N, C-alpha and C. Protein backbone atom coordinates (compact mmCIF):
# COMPACT_ATOMS: atom_id res chain seq x y z
N VAL A 1 -4.83 -39.34 19.63
CA VAL A 1 -4.03 -40.13 20.11
C VAL A 1 -3.56 -39.60 21.50
N GLN A 2 -3.17 -40.52 22.43
CA GLN A 2 -2.28 -40.04 23.52
C GLN A 2 -1.31 -41.29 24.05
N LEU A 3 -0.39 -40.68 24.69
CA LEU A 3 0.46 -41.74 25.18
C LEU A 3 0.44 -40.57 26.57
N VAL A 4 0.27 -40.75 27.73
CA VAL A 4 0.53 -40.19 29.17
C VAL A 4 1.51 -41.56 29.84
N GLU A 5 2.55 -40.74 30.18
CA GLU A 5 3.43 -40.96 31.02
C GLU A 5 3.37 -40.63 32.96
N SER A 6 3.53 -41.88 33.43
CA SER A 6 3.47 -41.41 34.72
C SER A 6 4.23 -42.72 35.70
N GLY A 7 4.57 -41.96 36.82
CA GLY A 7 5.66 -42.67 38.01
C GLY A 7 7.16 -42.00 38.04
N GLY A 8 7.26 -40.62 37.57
CA GLY A 8 8.16 -40.31 37.81
C GLY A 8 8.58 -39.51 39.24
N GLY A 9 9.44 -38.80 39.88
CA GLY A 9 9.60 -38.35 40.95
C GLY A 9 11.09 -37.95 41.23
N LEU A 10 11.70 -37.92 42.68
CA LEU A 10 12.53 -38.37 42.84
C LEU A 10 13.20 -39.40 43.83
N VAL A 11 14.40 -39.70 43.48
CA VAL A 11 14.88 -40.63 43.87
C VAL A 11 16.60 -40.48 44.96
N GLN A 12 16.40 -41.49 45.14
CA GLN A 12 18.07 -41.25 46.03
C GLN A 12 18.87 -42.17 44.93
N PRO A 13 20.10 -42.15 44.81
CA PRO A 13 21.12 -42.47 44.30
C PRO A 13 20.98 -44.28 44.67
N GLY A 14 21.06 -45.29 43.43
CA GLY A 14 21.02 -46.62 43.78
C GLY A 14 19.41 -46.89 43.66
N GLY A 15 18.94 -46.10 43.79
CA GLY A 15 17.05 -46.56 44.13
C GLY A 15 16.78 -47.08 43.09
N SER A 16 15.40 -47.21 42.80
CA SER A 16 14.49 -47.35 42.05
C SER A 16 13.05 -47.12 41.31
N LEU A 17 13.15 -46.75 40.73
CA LEU A 17 11.42 -46.21 39.81
C LEU A 17 11.25 -46.87 38.85
N ARG A 18 9.26 -46.94 38.74
CA ARG A 18 8.66 -47.68 37.29
C ARG A 18 8.17 -46.58 36.83
N LEU A 19 8.65 -46.65 35.62
CA LEU A 19 7.55 -45.78 34.86
C LEU A 19 5.94 -46.37 34.10
N SER A 20 5.58 -45.85 33.48
CA SER A 20 4.31 -46.45 33.03
C SER A 20 3.76 -45.28 32.15
N CYS A 21 3.47 -45.98 30.59
CA CYS A 21 2.76 -45.07 29.90
C CYS A 21 1.76 -45.72 29.46
N ALA A 22 0.44 -45.19 29.39
CA ALA A 22 -0.50 -45.66 29.14
C ALA A 22 -1.09 -44.73 27.38
N ALA A 23 -1.55 -45.79 26.48
CA ALA A 23 -1.85 -45.56 25.73
C ALA A 23 -3.07 -45.56 25.43
N SER A 24 -3.64 -44.84 23.78
CA SER A 24 -4.80 -44.83 23.25
C SER A 24 -5.10 -43.88 22.41
N GLY A 25 -6.47 -44.25 21.57
CA GLY A 25 -6.48 -43.93 20.60
C GLY A 25 -5.82 -44.97 18.81
N PHE A 26 -4.99 -45.60 19.29
CA PHE A 26 -4.38 -46.43 18.19
C PHE A 26 -4.48 -47.47 18.77
N THR A 27 -3.91 -48.94 17.26
CA THR A 27 -3.64 -50.34 17.71
C THR A 27 -2.61 -50.28 18.31
N PHE A 28 -2.52 -50.40 19.68
CA PHE A 28 -1.44 -50.43 20.26
C PHE A 28 -0.47 -51.46 20.01
N SER A 29 -0.95 -52.34 19.98
CA SER A 29 -0.07 -54.34 19.69
C SER A 29 0.56 -53.87 18.25
N ARG A 30 0.55 -53.07 17.62
CA ARG A 30 0.53 -53.07 16.05
C ARG A 30 2.04 -52.17 16.24
N TYR A 31 2.69 -51.70 17.33
CA TYR A 31 3.75 -51.01 16.90
C TYR A 31 4.44 -50.74 18.21
N ALA A 32 6.09 -50.94 17.87
CA ALA A 32 7.39 -51.33 18.85
C ALA A 32 6.89 -50.21 19.53
N MET A 33 6.90 -49.86 20.72
CA MET A 33 7.12 -48.93 21.51
C MET A 33 8.73 -48.28 22.01
N TYR A 34 9.14 -47.39 22.76
CA TYR A 34 10.30 -46.96 23.13
C TYR A 34 9.81 -45.59 24.13
N TRP A 35 10.91 -46.01 24.55
CA TRP A 35 11.63 -44.77 25.89
C TRP A 35 12.66 -44.10 25.44
N TYR A 36 12.66 -42.77 25.47
CA TYR A 36 13.80 -41.90 24.82
C TYR A 36 13.84 -40.68 26.71
N ARG A 37 14.97 -40.39 26.87
CA ARG A 37 15.15 -39.27 27.69
C ARG A 37 16.03 -38.06 27.38
N GLN A 38 15.49 -37.29 27.94
CA GLN A 38 16.37 -36.05 27.60
C GLN A 38 16.69 -35.35 28.97
N PRO A 39 18.13 -35.21 29.43
CA PRO A 39 18.75 -34.54 30.33
C PRO A 39 18.67 -33.35 30.70
N PRO A 40 18.90 -32.73 31.12
CA PRO A 40 18.64 -31.00 31.14
C PRO A 40 20.02 -30.71 30.81
N GLY A 41 20.11 -29.65 29.98
CA GLY A 41 20.60 -28.78 29.30
C GLY A 41 21.17 -29.62 28.04
N LYS A 42 20.57 -31.06 27.86
CA LYS A 42 21.47 -32.41 26.80
C LYS A 42 20.18 -32.55 25.49
N GLU A 43 20.89 -33.09 24.42
CA GLU A 43 19.65 -33.47 23.46
C GLU A 43 19.32 -35.05 24.25
N ARG A 44 17.20 -35.20 23.35
CA ARG A 44 17.22 -36.29 23.23
C ARG A 44 17.72 -37.42 23.14
N GLU A 45 17.97 -38.38 23.95
CA GLU A 45 18.63 -39.43 23.60
C GLU A 45 17.64 -40.97 23.96
N TRP A 46 17.82 -41.85 23.16
CA TRP A 46 17.09 -43.19 23.30
C TRP A 46 17.41 -43.98 24.23
N VAL A 47 16.71 -44.76 24.73
CA VAL A 47 16.98 -45.33 25.96
C VAL A 47 16.71 -46.98 25.90
N ALA A 48 15.32 -47.43 25.49
CA ALA A 48 15.11 -48.80 25.18
C ALA A 48 13.98 -49.16 24.05
N PHE A 49 13.97 -50.00 23.67
CA PHE A 49 12.88 -50.04 22.78
C PHE A 49 11.77 -51.55 22.79
N ILE A 50 10.89 -51.79 22.63
CA ILE A 50 10.28 -52.94 22.60
C ILE A 50 9.75 -53.25 21.52
N SER A 51 9.54 -54.69 20.86
CA SER A 51 8.59 -55.15 19.76
C SER A 51 7.15 -54.91 19.74
N GLY A 52 6.34 -54.77 18.91
CA GLY A 52 4.77 -55.22 19.49
C GLY A 52 4.16 -56.11 19.90
N ALA A 53 4.75 -56.90 19.73
CA ALA A 53 4.61 -58.27 20.62
C ALA A 53 5.06 -58.53 21.96
N GLY A 54 6.29 -57.53 22.19
CA GLY A 54 7.10 -57.49 23.40
C GLY A 54 8.00 -59.04 23.09
N SER A 55 8.28 -59.02 22.14
CA SER A 55 9.25 -60.97 22.44
C SER A 55 10.92 -60.02 21.87
N ASN A 56 10.89 -58.68 21.81
CA ASN A 56 12.50 -58.25 21.25
C ASN A 56 12.17 -57.03 22.14
N THR A 57 13.69 -56.78 22.91
CA THR A 57 13.84 -55.63 23.64
C THR A 57 15.40 -55.03 23.50
N GLN A 58 15.65 -53.90 23.48
CA GLN A 58 17.13 -53.62 22.85
C GLN A 58 16.94 -52.05 24.37
N TYR A 59 18.21 -51.73 24.53
CA TYR A 59 18.89 -51.09 25.45
C TYR A 59 19.85 -49.95 24.89
N ALA A 60 20.05 -49.11 25.82
CA ALA A 60 20.97 -47.70 25.00
C ALA A 60 22.45 -48.36 25.84
N ASP A 61 23.37 -48.76 25.83
CA ASP A 61 24.55 -48.84 26.17
C ASP A 61 24.55 -48.44 28.19
N SER A 62 24.11 -47.15 28.07
CA SER A 62 24.09 -46.39 29.43
C SER A 62 23.25 -47.58 30.44
N VAL A 63 22.09 -47.79 30.05
CA VAL A 63 21.06 -48.19 30.95
C VAL A 63 21.23 -50.20 30.80
N LYS A 64 21.79 -50.43 30.28
CA LYS A 64 21.23 -52.04 30.19
C LYS A 64 22.17 -52.70 31.31
N GLY A 65 21.02 -53.81 31.27
CA GLY A 65 21.24 -54.47 33.00
C GLY A 65 20.86 -53.59 33.90
N ARG A 66 20.15 -52.47 34.18
CA ARG A 66 19.60 -51.64 34.99
C ARG A 66 17.98 -51.37 34.67
N PHE A 67 18.23 -51.26 34.02
CA PHE A 67 16.68 -51.15 33.38
C PHE A 67 15.68 -51.89 32.10
N THR A 68 14.78 -51.97 32.59
CA THR A 68 13.82 -53.70 32.00
C THR A 68 12.52 -53.04 30.88
N ILE A 69 12.27 -52.83 29.79
CA ILE A 69 10.89 -52.41 29.33
C ILE A 69 10.56 -53.43 29.20
N SER A 70 8.89 -53.40 29.59
CA SER A 70 7.83 -54.29 29.26
C SER A 70 6.59 -53.78 28.60
N ARG A 71 5.24 -54.48 28.39
CA ARG A 71 4.49 -54.35 27.54
C ARG A 71 3.20 -55.10 27.72
N ASP A 72 2.03 -54.37 27.85
CA ASP A 72 0.99 -55.03 28.62
C ASP A 72 0.11 -54.79 27.22
N ASN A 73 0.02 -55.36 26.17
CA ASN A 73 -1.26 -55.84 24.92
C ASN A 73 -2.68 -55.33 25.27
N ALA A 74 -2.61 -55.91 26.50
CA ALA A 74 -3.90 -55.94 26.88
C ALA A 74 -4.43 -55.00 27.49
N LYS A 75 -3.36 -54.11 28.35
CA LYS A 75 -4.25 -52.90 28.91
C LYS A 75 -3.76 -51.66 27.92
N ASN A 76 -2.58 -51.68 27.08
CA ASN A 76 -1.90 -50.74 26.37
C ASN A 76 -1.05 -49.86 27.05
N THR A 77 -0.04 -50.52 28.39
CA THR A 77 0.46 -49.70 28.56
C THR A 77 2.41 -49.99 28.01
N VAL A 78 3.00 -49.41 28.81
CA VAL A 78 4.55 -49.98 28.73
C VAL A 78 5.37 -49.42 29.03
N ASP A 79 6.19 -50.43 30.25
CA ASP A 79 6.58 -49.57 31.39
C ASP A 79 8.39 -49.75 31.11
N LEU A 80 8.60 -48.97 32.35
CA LEU A 80 9.99 -48.70 32.53
C LEU A 80 10.75 -48.79 33.83
N GLN A 81 10.92 -49.95 34.25
CA GLN A 81 11.64 -50.65 35.31
C GLN A 81 13.29 -50.06 35.51
N MET A 82 13.21 -48.98 35.98
CA MET A 82 14.74 -48.68 36.73
C MET A 82 15.30 -49.18 37.64
N ASN A 83 16.26 -49.38 37.83
CA ASN A 83 17.15 -49.57 39.22
C ASN A 83 18.13 -49.14 39.47
N SER A 84 18.85 -49.24 40.24
CA SER A 84 20.65 -48.99 40.35
C SER A 84 20.43 -47.67 39.74
N LEU A 85 19.78 -46.20 40.20
CA LEU A 85 20.07 -45.48 39.28
C LEU A 85 20.81 -44.49 39.52
N ARG A 86 20.88 -43.56 38.41
CA ARG A 86 22.29 -42.76 39.30
C ARG A 86 22.15 -41.59 39.21
N PRO A 87 22.76 -40.45 39.31
CA PRO A 87 22.54 -39.22 39.15
C PRO A 87 22.34 -38.20 37.76
N GLU A 88 23.55 -39.21 36.94
CA GLU A 88 23.45 -38.98 35.26
C GLU A 88 21.88 -39.27 34.80
N ASP A 89 21.40 -40.26 35.33
CA ASP A 89 19.32 -40.63 34.97
C ASP A 89 18.81 -39.67 34.95
N THR A 90 19.15 -38.33 35.23
CA THR A 90 17.99 -37.86 36.14
C THR A 90 17.87 -37.51 34.45
N ALA A 91 16.57 -37.07 33.75
CA ALA A 91 15.88 -36.26 32.40
C ALA A 91 14.44 -36.38 32.32
N VAL A 92 14.13 -35.62 31.50
CA VAL A 92 12.83 -35.94 31.22
C VAL A 92 12.07 -36.89 30.07
N TYR A 93 11.62 -38.47 30.78
CA TYR A 93 11.53 -39.22 30.21
C TYR A 93 9.90 -39.42 29.39
N SER A 94 10.17 -40.05 28.06
CA SER A 94 8.86 -39.81 27.23
C SER A 94 8.91 -41.08 26.72
N CYS A 95 7.19 -41.39 26.33
CA CYS A 95 7.27 -43.01 25.56
C CYS A 95 7.26 -42.51 24.16
N ALA A 96 7.17 -43.40 23.40
CA ALA A 96 6.79 -42.62 21.87
C ALA A 96 6.70 -44.11 21.42
N ALA A 97 5.90 -44.01 19.82
CA ALA A 97 5.50 -44.88 18.69
C ALA A 97 6.43 -43.73 17.49
N PRO A 98 7.71 -43.81 17.40
CA PRO A 98 8.20 -42.76 16.67
C PRO A 98 7.75 -43.00 14.75
N VAL A 99 7.53 -44.20 14.89
CA VAL A 99 7.11 -44.44 13.29
C VAL A 99 5.69 -43.72 13.01
N MET A 100 4.71 -43.33 13.91
CA MET A 100 4.36 -43.12 13.37
C MET A 100 3.98 -41.73 14.11
N ASN A 101 5.17 -41.13 14.57
CA ASN A 101 5.49 -39.72 15.38
C ASN A 101 4.56 -39.42 16.56
N TYR A 102 4.56 -40.92 17.43
CA TYR A 102 3.47 -40.21 18.49
C TYR A 102 4.59 -40.13 19.80
N TRP A 103 4.10 -39.39 20.60
CA TRP A 103 4.69 -38.77 21.57
C TRP A 103 4.08 -38.12 22.33
N GLY A 104 4.82 -39.35 24.02
CA GLY A 104 3.83 -38.62 25.55
C GLY A 104 4.70 -37.15 25.83
N LYS A 105 4.05 -36.53 26.48
CA LYS A 105 4.43 -35.30 26.89
C LYS A 105 5.99 -35.29 27.87
N GLY A 106 5.93 -36.69 28.31
CA GLY A 106 7.10 -36.43 29.37
C GLY A 106 7.28 -36.75 30.86
N ILE A 107 8.16 -37.47 31.45
CA ILE A 107 7.55 -37.12 32.87
C ILE A 107 9.03 -37.32 33.78
N LEU A 108 8.99 -36.34 34.53
CA LEU A 108 10.40 -35.81 35.48
C LEU A 108 10.85 -37.00 36.18
N VAL A 109 12.53 -37.57 36.23
CA VAL A 109 12.87 -38.26 37.06
C VAL A 109 14.39 -37.59 37.69
N THR A 110 14.30 -37.34 38.69
CA THR A 110 15.09 -36.73 39.59
C THR A 110 15.59 -37.83 40.41
N VAL A 111 17.61 -37.81 40.09
CA VAL A 111 18.16 -39.00 40.73
C VAL A 111 18.98 -38.01 41.88
N SER A 112 18.83 -38.34 43.05
CA SER A 112 19.87 -36.79 43.51
C SER A 112 19.80 -37.32 45.25
N SER A 113 20.76 -36.80 46.26
CA SER A 113 20.75 -37.30 47.44
C SER A 113 20.14 -36.38 48.25
């Protein structure tokens, strides 16, 4: 099983980034997928959820209206579109299928001028 994130980096406040997570080694469409993040010096926190079919999504209050989670079950990918980024969004972002304890290694997003 592999979950590999891409698309992170440095962005100015107010900017946008799109993270992608490529999954392999399991039947991707059967599982809800999540994005989590861990800010520097803080605990990991849940960011967004999408159901296996992609019909249901949920967001943490801190990102609601700014972030959008989506998935492509034909390509085994789950994305996180992040708009109106703030310095407090700086964190290592990881995709996961926690019900199976599948986790990516994470990718750093830094929001700074």
